[in-house]
Amino acid sequence: MIHRGEVGGPGGSAQAAAGLLRGNSAGLFAALMEADLSYSQGDELMDGSRTAGAEEAARRRPSDRRSATNLPQVLLYSDGACSGNPGPGGWAFILRHPASGKEMVQSGAEPETTNNRMELTAVIRGLEALRRPSRVTVITDSQYVGKGFSEWLPGWRANGWMRKVKGKPVPVKNDDLWRRLAELLDQHDVRFQHVYGHTGHAENERCDQLAVEAYRKLMRG
């Protein structure tokens, strides 16, 4: 979401991130993975960093992953915000496991960015927090992210991350983020669900608030 009329200027480090894990510890997220005993409890922790073994397993077994019926189901609420466009921006996500009620919340900011980049970053950071292949429903108010996933991404990948503008090939905007998102989509079974912003959707409003707070903190230095 674009927020205009903010005061102050960018300052401090290029990345200001805050994390909150509801529950006693990150180990509570082990409940997400109990259906698959081939993963050790250590690999089941969803602390935002994947082990090399988990990355390799995800790349090696895409067909097995997609056909599995025991994938943990999680909800990923995400939002990005920007003061001006471009300008200081923030991102936030809520990662929730409905079966246990556990959730992880994280946010961060960049001093000079765009709203679309923050929307993409929020989804990427949420998917990166998963430590094993999962069935993920991404709930976002960004049509840019949703259409990119459902309509544009296959063509971009097939065309070497190029698109046509007035008949001429040009690089896809934000291709660094789209490439990373494509890698993560290959590791998980992901569906996107669009919601309208500022309509009272509790998690969407919460993510927006966290994203705004993140870039305001960055601007204050």
C-alpha atoms as a PDB file:
ATOM      1  CA  MET A   1       0.000   0.000   0.000  1.00  0.00           C
ATOM      2  CA  ILE A   2       1.285   3.450  -0.879  1.00  0.00           C
ATOM      3  CA  HIS A   3       1.263   5.950   1.967  1.00  0.00           C
ATOM      4  CA  ARG A   4       1.731   9.606   1.090  1.00  0.00           C
ATOM      5  CA  GLY A   5       2.427  12.662   3.189  1.00  0.00           C
ATOM      6  CA  GLU A   6       4.930  11.003   5.525  1.00  0.00           C
ATOM      7  CA  VAL A   7       7.467  13.281   7.200  1.00  0.00           C
ATOM      8  CA  GLY A   8      11.142  12.669   7.780  1.00  0.00           C
ATOM      9  CA  GLY A   9      13.789  11.135   5.591  1.00  0.00           C
ATOM     10  CA  PRO A  10      15.579   7.836   5.126  1.00  0.00           C
ATOM     11  CA  GLY A  11      18.301   7.125   7.598  1.00  0.00           C
ATOM     12  CA  GLY A  12      20.016   4.405   9.544  1.00  0.00           C
ATOM     13  CA  SER A  13      20.868   1.052   8.052  1.00  0.00           C
ATOM     14  CA  ALA A  14      19.565  -0.145   4.710  1.00  0.00           C
ATOM     15  CA  GLN A  15      17.583  -2.892   6.419  1.00  0.00           C
ATOM     16  CA  ALA A  16      15.563  -2.554   9.618  1.00  0.00           C
ATOM     17  CA  ALA A  17      13.844  -5.791  10.561  1.00  0.00           C
ATOM     18  CA  ALA A  18      11.747  -6.814  13.519  1.00  0.00           C
ATOM     19  CA  GLY A  19      10.515 -10.330  14.332  1.00  0.00           C
ATOM     20  CA  LEU A  20       7.907 -11.715  16.691  1.00  0.00           C
ATOM     21  CA  LEU A  21       7.165 -15.374  17.303  1.00  0.00           C
ATOM     22  CA  ARG A  22       3.967 -16.096  19.218  1.00  0.00           C
ATOM     23  CA  GLY A  23       4.507 -18.911  21.653  1.00  0.00           C
ATOM     24  CA  ASN A  24       7.395 -20.053  23.826  1.00  0.00           C
ATOM     25  CA  SER A  25      10.028 -20.487  21.115  1.00  0.00           C
ATOM     26  CA  ALA A  26      10.654 -21.188  17.462  1.00  0.00           C
ATOM     27  CA  GLY A  27      10.465 -24.862  18.383  1.00  0.00           C
ATOM     28  CA  LEU A  28       6.710 -24.582  18.605  1.00  0.00           C
ATOM     29  CA  PHE A  29       6.656 -24.644  14.830  1.00  0.00           C
ATOM     30  CA  ALA A  30       7.803 -28.249  14.903  1.00  0.00           C
ATOM     31  CA  ALA A  31       4.096 -29.074  15.079  1.00  0.00           C
ATOM     32  CA  LEU A  32       3.893 -28.070  11.426  1.00  0.00           C
ATOM     33  CA  MET A  33       6.012 -30.993  10.409  1.00  0.00           C
ATOM     34  CA  GLU A  34       4.775 -33.903  12.516  1.00  0.00           C
ATOM     35  CA  ALA A  35       3.123 -35.594   9.525  1.00  0.00           C
ATOM     36  CA  ASP A  36       6.498 -36.325   7.885  1.00  0.00           C
ATOM     37  CA  LEU A  37       8.919 -38.231  10.112  1.00  0.00           C
ATOM     38  CA  SER A  38      11.673 -38.158   7.458  1.00  0.00           C
ATOM     39  CA  TYR A  39      12.571 -34.653   8.653  1.00  0.00           C
ATOM     40  CA  SER A  40      14.394 -34.203  11.927  1.00  0.00           C
ATOM     41  CA  GLN A  41      12.901 -31.893  14.505  1.00  0.00           C
ATOM     42  CA  GLY A  42      15.795 -29.477  13.989  1.00  0.00           C
ATOM     43  CA  ASP A  43      14.944 -29.119  10.306  1.00  0.00           C
ATOM     44  CA  GLU A  44      11.307 -28.540  11.212  1.00  0.00           C
ATOM     45  CA  LEU A  45      11.928 -25.260  13.012  1.00  0.00           C
ATOM     46  CA  MET A  46      10.624 -22.323  11.024  1.00  0.00           C
ATOM     47  CA  ASP A  47      13.090 -19.633  11.996  1.00  0.00           C
ATOM     48  CA  GLY A  48      13.600 -18.073   8.575  1.00  0.00           C
ATOM     49  CA  SER A  49      16.740 -19.970   7.525  1.00  0.00           C
ATOM     50  CA  ARG A  50      16.723 -23.170   5.481  1.00  0.00           C
ATOM     51  CA  THR A  51      19.369 -25.843   5.867  1.00  0.00           C
ATOM     52  CA  ALA A  52      21.320 -26.850   2.770  1.00  0.00           C
ATOM     53  CA  GLY A  53      19.807 -30.321   3.043  1.00  0.00           C
ATOM     54  CA  ALA A  54      16.271 -28.983   3.039  1.00  0.00           C
ATOM     55  CA  GLU A  55      17.000 -26.792  -0.004  1.00  0.00           C
ATOM     56  CA  GLU A  56      18.488 -29.728  -1.906  1.00  0.00           C
ATOM     57  CA  ALA A  57      15.584 -32.009  -0.983  1.00  0.00           C
ATOM     58  CA  ALA A  58      13.107 -29.451  -2.214  1.00  0.00           C
ATOM     59  CA  ARG A  59      14.903 -29.153  -5.553  1.00  0.00           C
ATOM     60  CA  ARG A  60      15.327 -32.912  -5.957  1.00  0.00           C
ATOM     61  CA  ARG A  61      11.739 -33.958  -5.379  1.00  0.00           C
ATOM     62  CA  PRO A  62       9.325 -31.439  -6.946  1.00  0.00           C
ATOM     63  CA  SER A  63       6.951 -34.078  -8.313  1.00  0.00           C
ATOM     64  CA  ASP A  64       6.856 -35.990  -5.026  1.00  0.00           C
ATOM     65  CA  ARG A  65       6.268 -32.761  -3.148  1.00  0.00           C
ATOM     66  CA  ARG A  66       3.364 -31.697  -5.336  1.00  0.00           C
ATOM     67  CA  SER A  67       1.649 -35.083  -5.139  1.00  0.00           C
ATOM     68  CA  ALA A  68       2.040 -35.529  -1.384  1.00  0.00           C
ATOM     69  CA  THR A  69      -1.154 -35.445   0.644  1.00  0.00           C
ATOM     70  CA  ASN A  70       0.525 -34.815   3.971  1.00  0.00           C
ATOM     71  CA  LEU A  71       2.045 -31.397   3.296  1.00  0.00           C
ATOM     72  CA  PRO A  72       1.593 -29.020   6.224  1.00  0.00           C
ATOM     73  CA  GLN A  73      -0.951 -26.334   5.391  1.00  0.00           C
ATOM     74  CA  VAL A  74      -0.069 -22.756   6.264  1.00  0.00           C
ATOM     75  CA  LEU A  75      -1.517 -19.313   5.631  1.00  0.00           C
ATOM     76  CA  LEU A  76       0.778 -16.460   4.597  1.00  0.00           C
ATOM     77  CA  TYR A  77      -0.634 -12.949   4.974  1.00  0.00           C
ATOM     78  CA  SER A  78       1.584 -10.284   3.445  1.00  0.00           C
ATOM     79  CA  ASP A  79       1.686  -6.588   2.681  1.00  0.00           C
ATOM     80  CA  GLY A  80       4.052  -3.884   1.539  1.00  0.00           C
ATOM     81  CA  ALA A  81       3.898  -0.143   2.152  1.00  0.00           C
ATOM     82  CA  CYS A  82       5.754   2.825   0.735  1.00  0.00           C
ATOM     83  CA  SER A  83       5.949   6.526   1.611  1.00  0.00           C
ATOM     84  CA  GLY A  84       5.893   7.866  -1.906  1.00  0.00           C
ATOM     85  CA  ASN A  85       6.620   5.589  -4.817  1.00  0.00           C
ATOM     86  CA  PRO A  86       9.604   5.395  -4.875  1.00  0.00           C
ATOM     87  CA  GLY A  87      10.539   6.252  -1.328  1.00  0.00           C
ATOM     88  CA  PRO A  88      11.110   4.592   2.034  1.00  0.00           C
ATOM     89  CA  GLY A  89       9.158   1.357   2.224  1.00  0.00           C
ATOM     90  CA  GLY A  90       8.348  -1.529   4.489  1.00  0.00           C
ATOM     91  CA  TRP A  91       7.153  -5.107   4.278  1.00  0.00           C
ATOM     92  CA  ALA A  92       5.496  -7.497   6.724  1.00  0.00           C
ATOM     93  CA  PHE A  93       4.090 -10.992   6.857  1.00  0.00           C
ATOM     94  CA  ILE A  94       2.124 -13.225   9.186  1.00  0.00           C
ATOM     95  CA  LEU A  95       2.782 -16.946   8.766  1.00  0.00           C
ATOM     96  CA  ARG A  96       0.135 -19.048  10.456  1.00  0.00           C
ATOM     97  CA  HIS A  97      -0.381 -22.781  10.996  1.00  0.00           C
ATOM     98  CA  PRO A  98      -4.158 -23.140  11.472  1.00  0.00           C
ATOM     99  CA  ALA A  99      -3.987 -26.648  12.940  1.00  0.00           C
ATOM    100  CA  SER A 100      -1.969 -25.468  15.934  1.00  0.00           C
ATOM    101  CA  GLY A 101      -2.792 -21.745  15.941  1.00  0.00           C
ATOM    102  CA  LYS A 102       0.915 -20.884  16.010  1.00  0.00           C
ATOM    103  CA  GLU A 103       2.175 -17.959  13.982  1.00  0.00           C
ATOM    104  CA  MET A 104       5.338 -16.091  13.047  1.00  0.00           C
ATOM    105  CA  VAL A 105       5.366 -12.349  12.326  1.00  0.00           C
ATOM    106  CA  GLN A 106       8.206 -10.410  10.739  1.00  0.00           C
ATOM    107  CA  SER A 107       8.696  -6.980   9.168  1.00  0.00           C
ATOM    108  CA  GLY A 108      11.481  -4.917   7.644  1.00  0.00           C
ATOM    109  CA  ALA A 109      12.205  -1.784   5.655  1.00  0.00           C
ATOM    110  CA  GLU A 110      14.366  -0.267   2.926  1.00  0.00           C
ATOM    111  CA  PRO A 111      15.302   3.408   2.527  1.00  0.00           C
ATOM    112  CA  GLU A 112      14.565   3.709  -1.214  1.00  0.00           C
ATOM    113  CA  THR A 113      12.202   1.296  -2.886  1.00  0.00           C
ATOM    114  CA  THR A 114       8.764   0.947  -4.481  1.00  0.00           C
ATOM    115  CA  ASN A 115       5.443  -0.385  -3.314  1.00  0.00           C
ATOM    116  CA  ASN A 116       5.601  -3.332  -5.733  1.00  0.00           C
ATOM    117  CA  ARG A 117       9.032  -4.342  -4.488  1.00  0.00           C
ATOM    118  CA  MET A 118       7.822  -4.296  -0.893  1.00  0.00           C
ATOM    119  CA  GLU A 119       4.763  -6.392  -1.787  1.00  0.00           C
ATOM    120  CA  LEU A 120       7.022  -8.975  -3.432  1.00  0.00           C
ATOM    121  CA  THR A 121       9.530  -8.902  -0.597  1.00  0.00           C
ATOM    122  CA  ALA A 122       6.828  -9.625   1.971  1.00  0.00           C
ATOM    123  CA  VAL A 123       5.799 -12.815   0.151  1.00  0.00           C
ATOM    124  CA  ILE A 124       9.408 -13.886  -0.419  1.00  0.00           C
ATOM    125  CA  ARG A 125      10.374 -13.430   3.230  1.00  0.00           C
ATOM    126  CA  GLY A 126       7.345 -15.416   4.339  1.00  0.00           C
ATOM    127  CA  LEU A 127       8.095 -18.333   2.010  1.00  0.00           C
ATOM    128  CA  GLU A 128      11.770 -18.270   3.001  1.00  0.00           C
ATOM    129  CA  ALA A 129      10.723 -18.811   6.615  1.00  0.00           C
ATOM    130  CA  LEU A 130       9.383 -22.285   5.745  1.00  0.00           C
ATOM    131  CA  ARG A 131      11.847 -25.060   6.455  1.00  0.00           C
ATOM    132  CA  ARG A 132      10.253 -27.754   4.291  1.00  0.00           C
ATOM    133  CA  PRO A 133       7.817 -28.003   1.373  1.00  0.00           C
ATOM    134  CA  SER A 134       4.350 -26.855   2.419  1.00  0.00           C
ATOM    135  CA  ARG A 135       0.925 -26.110   1.009  1.00  0.00           C
ATOM    136  CA  VAL A 136       0.706 -22.340   1.279  1.00  0.00           C
ATOM    137  CA  THR A 137      -2.177 -19.950   0.716  1.00  0.00           C
ATOM    138  CA  VAL A 138      -0.817 -16.431   0.216  1.00  0.00           C
ATOM    139  CA  ILE A 139      -3.343 -13.738   1.109  1.00  0.00           C
ATOM    140  CA  THR A 140      -2.389 -10.357  -0.360  1.00  0.00           C
ATOM    141  CA  ASP A 141      -4.018  -7.124  -1.509  1.00  0.00           C
ATOM    142  CA  SER A 142      -1.462  -6.795  -4.313  1.00  0.00           C
ATOM    143  CA  GLN A 143      -2.873  -7.457  -7.772  1.00  0.00           C
ATOM    144  CA  TYR A 144       0.670  -7.033  -9.091  1.00  0.00           C
ATOM    145  CA  VAL A 145       1.841 -10.044  -7.093  1.00  0.00           C
ATOM    146  CA  GLY A 146      -1.283 -12.095  -7.795  1.00  0.00           C
ATOM    147  CA  LYS A 147      -1.322 -11.470 -11.549  1.00  0.00           C
ATOM    148  CA  GLY A 148       2.413 -11.980 -11.767  1.00  0.00           C
ATOM    149  CA  PHE A 149       2.024 -15.402 -10.187  1.00  0.00           C
ATOM    150  CA  SER A 150      -1.040 -16.534 -12.135  1.00  0.00           C
ATOM    151  CA  GLU A 151      -0.618 -14.830 -15.526  1.00  0.00           C
ATOM    152  CA  TRP A 152       2.840 -13.403 -16.208  1.00  0.00           C
ATOM    153  CA  LEU A 153       5.413 -15.597 -14.487  1.00  0.00           C
ATOM    154  CA  PRO A 154       5.310 -18.626 -16.841  1.00  0.00           C
ATOM    155  CA  GLY A 155       5.909 -16.431 -19.887  1.00  0.00           C
ATOM    156  CA  TRP A 156       8.661 -14.432 -18.203  1.00  0.00           C
ATOM    157  CA  ARG A 157      10.546 -17.571 -17.260  1.00  0.00           C
ATOM    158  CA  ALA A 158      10.146 -19.072 -20.732  1.00  0.00           C
ATOM    159  CA  ASN A 159      11.404 -15.853 -22.356  1.00  0.00           C
ATOM    160  CA  GLY A 160      14.476 -15.476 -20.178  1.00  0.00           C
ATOM    161  CA  TRP A 161      12.905 -12.842 -17.907  1.00  0.00           C
ATOM    162  CA  MET A 162      12.179 -10.528 -20.803  1.00  0.00           C
ATOM    163  CA  ARG A 163       8.874  -8.931 -21.823  1.00  0.00           C
ATOM    164  CA  LYS A 164       7.799  -7.019 -24.892  1.00  0.00           C
ATOM    165  CA  VAL A 165       7.119  -3.297 -24.810  1.00  0.00           C
ATOM    166  CA  LYS A 166       5.980  -1.826 -28.144  1.00  0.00           C
ATOM    167  CA  GLY A 167       7.268  -4.942 -29.831  1.00  0.00           C
ATOM    168  CA  LYS A 168      10.739  -4.739 -28.301  1.00  0.00           C
ATOM    169  CA  PRO A 169      12.102  -7.081 -25.622  1.00  0.00           C
ATOM    170  CA  VAL A 170      12.948  -5.367 -22.338  1.00  0.00           C
ATOM    171  CA  PRO A 171      13.934  -6.828 -18.951  1.00  0.00           C
ATOM    172  CA  VAL A 172      11.130  -7.649 -16.538  1.00  0.00           C
ATOM    173  CA  LYS A 173      10.855  -5.046 -13.799  1.00  0.00           C
ATOM    174  CA  ASN A 174      11.971  -6.283 -10.395  1.00  0.00           C
ATOM    175  CA  ASP A 175      13.332  -9.417 -12.023  1.00  0.00           C
ATOM    176  CA  ASP A 176      15.661 -10.068  -9.083  1.00  0.00           C
ATOM    177  CA  LEU A 177      12.648 -10.500  -6.799  1.00  0.00           C
ATOM    178  CA  TRP A 178      10.567 -12.399  -9.335  1.00  0.00           C
ATOM    179  CA  ARG A 179      13.421 -14.832  -9.903  1.00  0.00           C
ATOM    180  CA  ARG A 180      13.707 -15.486  -6.175  1.00  0.00           C
ATOM    181  CA  LEU A 181       9.951 -15.892  -5.859  1.00  0.00           C
ATOM    182  CA  ALA A 182       9.967 -18.383  -8.739  1.00  0.00           C
ATOM    183  CA  GLU A 183      12.583 -20.469  -6.914  1.00  0.00           C
ATOM    184  CA  LEU A 184      10.424 -20.550  -3.809  1.00  0.00           C
ATOM    185  CA  LEU A 185       7.294 -21.412  -5.768  1.00  0.00           C
ATOM    186  CA  ASP A 186       9.121 -24.475  -7.078  1.00  0.00           C
ATOM    187  CA  GLN A 187       9.650 -25.637  -3.496  1.00  0.00           C
ATOM    188  CA  HIS A 188       6.059 -25.263  -2.277  1.00  0.00           C
ATOM    189  CA  ASP A 189       2.466 -25.774  -3.376  1.00  0.00           C
ATOM    190  CA  VAL A 190       1.344 -22.132  -3.435  1.00  0.00           C
ATOM    191  CA  ARG A 191      -2.038 -20.547  -4.090  1.00  0.00           C
ATOM    192  CA  PHE A 192      -2.720 -16.820  -4.091  1.00  0.00           C
ATOM    193  CA  GLN A 193      -5.879 -15.259  -2.688  1.00  0.00           C
ATOM    194  CA  HIS A 194      -6.610 -11.574  -3.284  1.00  0.00           C
ATOM    195  CA  VAL A 195      -8.209  -9.350  -0.654  1.00  0.00           C
ATOM    196  CA  TYR A 196      -8.958  -5.647  -0.915  1.00  0.00           C
ATOM    197  CA  GLY A 197      -6.829  -3.384   1.244  1.00  0.00           C
ATOM    198  CA  HIS A 198      -8.264  -1.099   3.928  1.00  0.00           C
ATOM    199  CA  THR A 199     -11.546  -3.012   4.062  1.00  0.00           C
ATOM    200  CA  GLY A 200     -11.262  -4.336   7.598  1.00  0.00           C
ATOM    201  CA  HIS A 201      -9.460  -7.608   6.867  1.00  0.00           C
ATOM    202  CA  ALA A 202      -7.749  -8.132  10.222  1.00  0.00           C
ATOM    203  CA  GLU A 203      -4.499  -9.749   9.094  1.00  0.00           C
ATOM    204  CA  ASN A 204      -4.121  -7.494   6.072  1.00  0.00           C
ATOM    205  CA  GLU A 205      -4.578  -4.416   8.237  1.00  0.00           C
ATOM    206  CA  ARG A 206      -2.080  -5.780  10.744  1.00  0.00           C
ATOM    207  CA  CYS A 207       0.522  -6.405   8.064  1.00  0.00           C
ATOM    208  CA  ASP A 208      -0.001  -2.904   6.684  1.00  0.00           C
ATOM    209  CA  GLN A 209       0.478  -1.423  10.145  1.00  0.00           C
ATOM    210  CA  LEU A 210       3.675  -3.415  10.712  1.00  0.00           C
ATOM    211  CA  ALA A 211       5.076  -2.430   7.310  1.00  0.00           C
ATOM    212  CA  VAL A 212       4.364   1.258   7.953  1.00  0.00           C
ATOM    213  CA  GLU A 213       5.899   1.062  11.414  1.00  0.00           C
ATOM    214  CA  ALA A 214       9.011  -0.565   9.941  1.00  0.00           C
ATOM    215  CA  TYR A 215       9.746   2.184   7.418  1.00  0.00           C
ATOM    216  CA  ARG A 216       8.860   4.942   9.860  1.00  0.00           C
ATOM    217  CA  LYS A 217      11.374   3.479  12.295  1.00  0.00           C
ATOM    218  CA  LEU A 218      13.968   3.437   9.534  1.00  0.00           C
ATOM    219  CA  MET A 219      13.220   7.076   8.667  1.00  0.00           C
ATOM    220  CA  ARG A 220      13.664   8.114  12.298  1.00  0.00           C
ATOM    221  CA  GLY A 221      17.087   6.528  12.295  1.00  0.00           C
END
